[in-house]
N, C-alpha and C. Protein backbone atom coordinates (compact mmCIF):
# COMPACT_ATOMS: atom_id res chain seq x y z
N MET A 1 3.02 -12.70 -0.97
CA MET A 1 4.33 -12.06 -0.93
C MET A 1 4.49 -11.40 0.43
N LEU A 2 5.54 -11.78 1.14
CA LEU A 2 5.86 -11.17 2.42
C LEU A 2 6.78 -9.97 2.20
N THR A 3 6.59 -8.93 2.95
CA THR A 3 7.47 -7.76 2.92
C THR A 3 8.03 -7.57 4.32
N LEU A 4 9.35 -7.72 4.43
CA LEU A 4 10.01 -7.60 5.72
C LEU A 4 11.08 -6.51 5.65
N PHE A 5 11.01 -5.55 6.56
CA PHE A 5 12.01 -4.48 6.59
C PHE A 5 13.20 -4.91 7.42
N GLY A 6 14.37 -4.54 6.97
CA GLY A 6 15.61 -4.93 7.64
C GLY A 6 16.33 -3.74 8.24
N SER A 7 17.63 -3.88 8.30
CA SER A 7 18.47 -2.87 8.92
C SER A 7 18.69 -1.68 8.00
N SER A 8 19.38 -0.69 8.51
CA SER A 8 19.67 0.51 7.74
C SER A 8 20.57 0.17 6.57
N ALA A 9 20.26 0.73 5.41
CA ALA A 9 21.06 0.51 4.20
C ALA A 9 22.14 1.57 4.04
N LEU A 10 22.11 2.59 4.90
CA LEU A 10 23.10 3.67 4.83
C LEU A 10 23.84 3.78 6.15
N SER A 11 25.16 3.76 6.09
CA SER A 11 25.95 4.02 7.28
C SER A 11 25.83 5.51 7.60
N SER A 12 26.20 5.88 8.81
CA SER A 12 26.14 7.30 9.16
C SER A 12 27.08 8.11 8.28
N PHE A 13 28.22 7.53 7.89
CA PHE A 13 29.15 8.20 6.98
C PHE A 13 28.47 8.49 5.64
N ASN A 14 27.78 7.49 5.08
CA ASN A 14 27.09 7.68 3.80
C ASN A 14 25.93 8.65 3.92
N GLN A 15 25.24 8.64 5.05
CA GLN A 15 24.16 9.61 5.26
C GLN A 15 24.72 11.03 5.23
N GLN A 16 25.81 11.25 5.95
CA GLN A 16 26.42 12.58 5.99
C GLN A 16 26.94 13.00 4.62
N LYS A 17 27.51 12.05 3.89
CA LYS A 17 28.01 12.33 2.55
C LYS A 17 26.87 12.76 1.62
N LEU A 18 25.76 12.06 1.68
CA LEU A 18 24.60 12.43 0.86
C LEU A 18 24.04 13.79 1.26
N LEU A 19 23.93 14.04 2.56
CA LEU A 19 23.41 15.33 3.02
C LEU A 19 24.31 16.48 2.57
N GLN A 20 25.62 16.24 2.57
CA GLN A 20 26.56 17.25 2.10
C GLN A 20 26.36 17.53 0.61
N ARG A 21 26.15 16.47 -0.17
CA ARG A 21 25.90 16.64 -1.61
C ARG A 21 24.60 17.39 -1.86
N PHE A 22 23.57 17.07 -1.07
CA PHE A 22 22.30 17.78 -1.20
C PHE A 22 22.49 19.25 -0.91
N SER A 23 23.24 19.56 0.15
CA SER A 23 23.49 20.94 0.53
C SER A 23 24.23 21.69 -0.57
N GLN A 24 25.19 21.03 -1.21
CA GLN A 24 25.95 21.64 -2.30
C GLN A 24 25.04 21.95 -3.49
N GLN A 25 23.96 21.17 -3.63
CA GLN A 25 23.02 21.38 -4.72
C GLN A 25 21.94 22.40 -4.34
N GLY A 26 22.04 22.96 -3.14
CA GLY A 26 21.07 23.96 -2.71
C GLY A 26 19.78 23.38 -2.16
N LEU A 27 19.78 22.09 -1.84
CA LEU A 27 18.59 21.45 -1.29
C LEU A 27 18.63 21.51 0.24
N SER A 28 17.52 21.82 0.86
CA SER A 28 17.47 21.95 2.31
C SER A 28 16.96 20.67 2.97
N ILE A 29 17.58 19.57 2.66
CA ILE A 29 17.22 18.28 3.25
C ILE A 29 18.06 18.09 4.50
N THR A 30 17.41 17.78 5.62
CA THR A 30 18.12 17.70 6.89
C THR A 30 18.36 16.27 7.37
N SER A 31 17.66 15.29 6.79
CA SER A 31 17.90 13.90 7.18
C SER A 31 17.51 12.98 6.03
N ILE A 32 18.15 11.83 6.02
CA ILE A 32 17.84 10.82 5.01
C ILE A 32 17.98 9.45 5.66
N HIS A 33 17.05 8.57 5.35
CA HIS A 33 17.06 7.22 5.90
C HIS A 33 16.78 6.24 4.78
N ALA A 34 17.43 5.10 4.84
CA ALA A 34 17.16 4.02 3.88
C ALA A 34 17.31 2.70 4.62
N LYS A 35 16.36 1.83 4.41
CA LYS A 35 16.39 0.50 5.01
C LYS A 35 16.33 -0.53 3.91
N TYR A 36 16.85 -1.71 4.22
CA TYR A 36 16.67 -2.82 3.31
C TYR A 36 15.24 -3.32 3.44
N VAL A 37 14.66 -3.70 2.33
CA VAL A 37 13.34 -4.32 2.33
C VAL A 37 13.49 -5.66 1.63
N HIS A 38 12.94 -6.70 2.25
CA HIS A 38 13.03 -8.05 1.70
C HIS A 38 11.65 -8.47 1.21
N LEU A 39 11.59 -8.86 -0.03
CA LEU A 39 10.35 -9.34 -0.63
C LEU A 39 10.48 -10.85 -0.77
N VAL A 40 9.60 -11.57 -0.10
CA VAL A 40 9.71 -13.02 -0.03
C VAL A 40 8.50 -13.65 -0.71
N ASP A 41 8.77 -14.42 -1.76
CA ASP A 41 7.72 -15.14 -2.48
C ASP A 41 7.67 -16.56 -1.93
N CYS A 42 6.52 -16.93 -1.36
CA CYS A 42 6.37 -18.25 -0.73
C CYS A 42 5.32 -19.07 -1.47
N ALA A 43 5.53 -20.37 -1.49
CA ALA A 43 4.58 -21.29 -2.11
C ALA A 43 3.32 -21.42 -1.26
N GLN A 44 3.47 -21.22 0.05
CA GLN A 44 2.34 -21.31 0.98
C GLN A 44 2.64 -20.45 2.19
N ILE A 45 1.64 -20.24 3.02
CA ILE A 45 1.83 -19.46 4.24
C ILE A 45 2.82 -20.20 5.13
N LEU A 46 3.79 -19.46 5.67
CA LEU A 46 4.81 -20.08 6.51
C LEU A 46 4.26 -20.41 7.89
N ALA A 47 4.69 -21.54 8.42
CA ALA A 47 4.36 -21.89 9.80
C ALA A 47 5.10 -20.93 10.73
N THR A 48 4.68 -20.87 11.98
CA THR A 48 5.29 -19.94 12.94
C THR A 48 6.78 -20.16 13.06
N ASP A 49 7.23 -21.41 13.16
CA ASP A 49 8.67 -21.68 13.30
C ASP A 49 9.43 -21.30 12.02
N GLU A 50 8.80 -21.48 10.86
CA GLU A 50 9.43 -21.08 9.60
C GLU A 50 9.55 -19.56 9.52
N GLN A 51 8.52 -18.86 9.95
CA GLN A 51 8.54 -17.39 9.96
C GLN A 51 9.64 -16.88 10.88
N GLU A 52 9.78 -17.49 12.05
CA GLU A 52 10.84 -17.09 12.98
C GLU A 52 12.22 -17.33 12.39
N LYS A 53 12.39 -18.46 11.72
CA LYS A 53 13.67 -18.78 11.08
C LYS A 53 13.99 -17.78 9.97
N LEU A 54 12.99 -17.43 9.18
CA LEU A 54 13.18 -16.45 8.11
C LEU A 54 13.54 -15.08 8.70
N ASN A 55 12.85 -14.68 9.76
CA ASN A 55 13.15 -13.40 10.41
C ASN A 55 14.59 -13.37 10.91
N LYS A 56 15.07 -14.46 11.46
CA LYS A 56 16.46 -14.53 11.93
C LYS A 56 17.44 -14.44 10.77
N LEU A 57 17.12 -15.12 9.68
CA LEU A 57 18.00 -15.07 8.50
C LEU A 57 18.11 -13.66 7.94
N LEU A 58 17.03 -12.92 7.97
CA LEU A 58 17.00 -11.59 7.36
C LEU A 58 17.27 -10.47 8.37
N SER A 59 17.71 -10.83 9.57
CA SER A 59 18.11 -9.84 10.57
C SER A 59 19.63 -9.77 10.58
N TYR A 60 20.16 -8.80 9.90
CA TYR A 60 21.61 -8.62 9.83
C TYR A 60 21.91 -7.13 9.83
N GLY A 61 23.11 -6.80 10.14
CA GLY A 61 23.50 -5.39 10.20
C GLY A 61 23.06 -4.76 11.50
N PRO A 62 23.49 -3.53 11.73
CA PRO A 62 23.17 -2.86 12.99
C PRO A 62 21.70 -2.46 13.06
N ALA A 63 21.11 -2.67 14.23
CA ALA A 63 19.73 -2.24 14.46
C ALA A 63 19.72 -0.73 14.69
N ASP A 64 18.69 -0.07 14.23
CA ASP A 64 18.59 1.37 14.39
C ASP A 64 17.23 1.70 14.99
N ALA A 65 17.21 1.87 16.30
CA ALA A 65 15.95 2.12 17.01
C ALA A 65 15.34 3.46 16.65
N SER A 66 16.12 4.40 16.14
CA SER A 66 15.58 5.72 15.82
C SER A 66 14.63 5.68 14.64
N GLU A 67 14.65 4.59 13.90
CA GLU A 67 13.78 4.47 12.74
C GLU A 67 12.63 3.49 13.00
N ALA A 68 12.19 3.41 14.24
CA ALA A 68 11.16 2.44 14.60
C ALA A 68 9.86 2.65 13.83
N HIS A 69 9.55 3.88 13.47
CA HIS A 69 8.31 4.18 12.75
C HIS A 69 8.58 4.49 11.29
N PHE A 70 9.51 3.77 10.72
CA PHE A 70 9.94 3.98 9.34
C PHE A 70 8.79 3.68 8.38
N ARG A 71 8.53 4.62 7.47
CA ARG A 71 7.53 4.41 6.42
C ARG A 71 8.18 4.78 5.10
N PRO A 72 8.34 3.82 4.22
CA PRO A 72 9.03 4.12 2.96
C PRO A 72 8.21 5.01 2.05
N SER A 73 8.89 5.90 1.37
CA SER A 73 8.21 6.72 0.38
C SER A 73 8.59 6.28 -1.03
N LEU A 74 9.65 5.50 -1.12
CA LEU A 74 10.13 5.01 -2.40
C LEU A 74 10.88 3.71 -2.15
N ILE A 75 10.60 2.69 -2.92
CA ILE A 75 11.31 1.42 -2.81
C ILE A 75 12.00 1.14 -4.13
N VAL A 76 13.30 0.86 -4.05
CA VAL A 76 14.11 0.59 -5.24
C VAL A 76 14.47 -0.90 -5.23
N VAL A 77 14.10 -1.61 -6.27
CA VAL A 77 14.38 -3.03 -6.40
C VAL A 77 14.98 -3.31 -7.78
N PRO A 78 15.56 -4.49 -7.96
CA PRO A 78 16.09 -4.82 -9.29
C PRO A 78 14.98 -4.79 -10.34
N ARG A 79 15.39 -4.58 -11.56
CA ARG A 79 14.46 -4.51 -12.69
C ARG A 79 13.59 -5.77 -12.76
N ALA A 80 12.33 -5.58 -13.11
CA ALA A 80 11.39 -6.71 -13.24
C ALA A 80 11.94 -7.74 -14.23
N GLY A 81 11.81 -9.00 -13.87
CA GLY A 81 12.25 -10.07 -14.74
C GLY A 81 13.70 -10.50 -14.51
N THR A 82 14.41 -9.77 -13.64
CA THR A 82 15.78 -10.15 -13.34
C THR A 82 15.86 -10.75 -11.94
N ILE A 83 16.87 -11.57 -11.72
CA ILE A 83 17.13 -12.15 -10.41
C ILE A 83 18.55 -11.72 -10.03
N SER A 84 18.64 -10.97 -8.96
CA SER A 84 19.95 -10.47 -8.54
C SER A 84 20.79 -11.60 -7.95
N PRO A 85 22.12 -11.44 -7.96
CA PRO A 85 22.97 -12.43 -7.30
C PRO A 85 22.64 -12.56 -5.81
N TRP A 86 22.29 -11.42 -5.16
CA TRP A 86 21.90 -11.48 -3.75
C TRP A 86 20.70 -12.40 -3.58
N SER A 87 19.72 -12.28 -4.47
CA SER A 87 18.51 -13.09 -4.40
C SER A 87 18.82 -14.57 -4.55
N SER A 88 19.66 -14.91 -5.50
CA SER A 88 20.02 -16.31 -5.72
C SER A 88 20.66 -16.90 -4.47
N LYS A 89 21.60 -16.18 -3.88
CA LYS A 89 22.30 -16.67 -2.70
C LYS A 89 21.36 -16.75 -1.50
N ALA A 90 20.56 -15.71 -1.28
CA ALA A 90 19.63 -15.70 -0.15
C ALA A 90 18.60 -16.82 -0.27
N SER A 91 18.11 -17.06 -1.47
CA SER A 91 17.13 -18.13 -1.68
C SER A 91 17.77 -19.49 -1.41
N ASN A 92 19.02 -19.68 -1.85
CA ASN A 92 19.74 -20.94 -1.57
C ASN A 92 19.94 -21.14 -0.08
N ILE A 93 20.32 -20.09 0.62
CA ILE A 93 20.51 -20.18 2.07
C ILE A 93 19.20 -20.56 2.76
N ALA A 94 18.10 -19.94 2.35
CA ALA A 94 16.79 -20.27 2.94
C ALA A 94 16.45 -21.74 2.72
N HIS A 95 16.70 -22.25 1.53
CA HIS A 95 16.42 -23.66 1.25
C HIS A 95 17.32 -24.56 2.08
N ASN A 96 18.60 -24.20 2.23
CA ASN A 96 19.52 -24.99 3.03
C ASN A 96 19.15 -24.98 4.51
N CYS A 97 18.40 -23.99 4.93
CA CYS A 97 17.93 -23.90 6.32
C CYS A 97 16.58 -24.56 6.51
N GLY A 98 16.10 -25.25 5.48
CA GLY A 98 14.85 -25.98 5.59
C GLY A 98 13.61 -25.19 5.24
N LEU A 99 13.76 -24.01 4.67
CA LEU A 99 12.61 -23.19 4.29
C LEU A 99 12.23 -23.48 2.84
N GLU A 100 11.72 -24.68 2.61
CA GLU A 100 11.39 -25.12 1.25
C GLU A 100 10.20 -24.37 0.66
N SER A 101 9.35 -23.77 1.51
CA SER A 101 8.20 -23.01 1.02
C SER A 101 8.61 -21.68 0.38
N VAL A 102 9.83 -21.23 0.70
CA VAL A 102 10.31 -19.97 0.13
C VAL A 102 10.76 -20.22 -1.29
N LYS A 103 10.08 -19.57 -2.24
CA LYS A 103 10.46 -19.73 -3.65
C LYS A 103 11.59 -18.78 -4.02
N ARG A 104 11.53 -17.56 -3.48
CA ARG A 104 12.54 -16.56 -3.83
C ARG A 104 12.51 -15.43 -2.81
N ILE A 105 13.70 -14.89 -2.54
CA ILE A 105 13.84 -13.70 -1.70
C ILE A 105 14.56 -12.66 -2.53
N GLU A 106 14.04 -11.46 -2.56
CA GLU A 106 14.72 -10.36 -3.26
C GLU A 106 14.88 -9.22 -2.27
N ARG A 107 15.94 -8.45 -2.46
CA ARG A 107 16.21 -7.32 -1.56
C ARG A 107 16.18 -6.01 -2.33
N GLY A 108 15.55 -5.04 -1.72
CA GLY A 108 15.53 -3.69 -2.26
C GLY A 108 15.94 -2.72 -1.17
N VAL A 109 15.89 -1.45 -1.49
CA VAL A 109 16.22 -0.39 -0.52
C VAL A 109 15.08 0.61 -0.50
């Protein structure tokens, strides 16, 4: 199983909105970050060109250099045993791009 981190899952507007809600609840949280995480189930180890193609497919949204040393403390994914619509579409796109070794891609935050 490959784990690939993607772009920020929260816009700056949503970050500020959450921080405001935290403040209203009396919490002294000063920053919040969330990134997309892609979990890729492969039938075999990907070749270098396949890995590069997969990285390009999963590179979307604005890059955020300020989170270069991002370490997740909590990962939220769809319930076990379910396949999200995002996963179905992403897996189809990977297959259409010639990544037949990719069995499934799921996205979490």
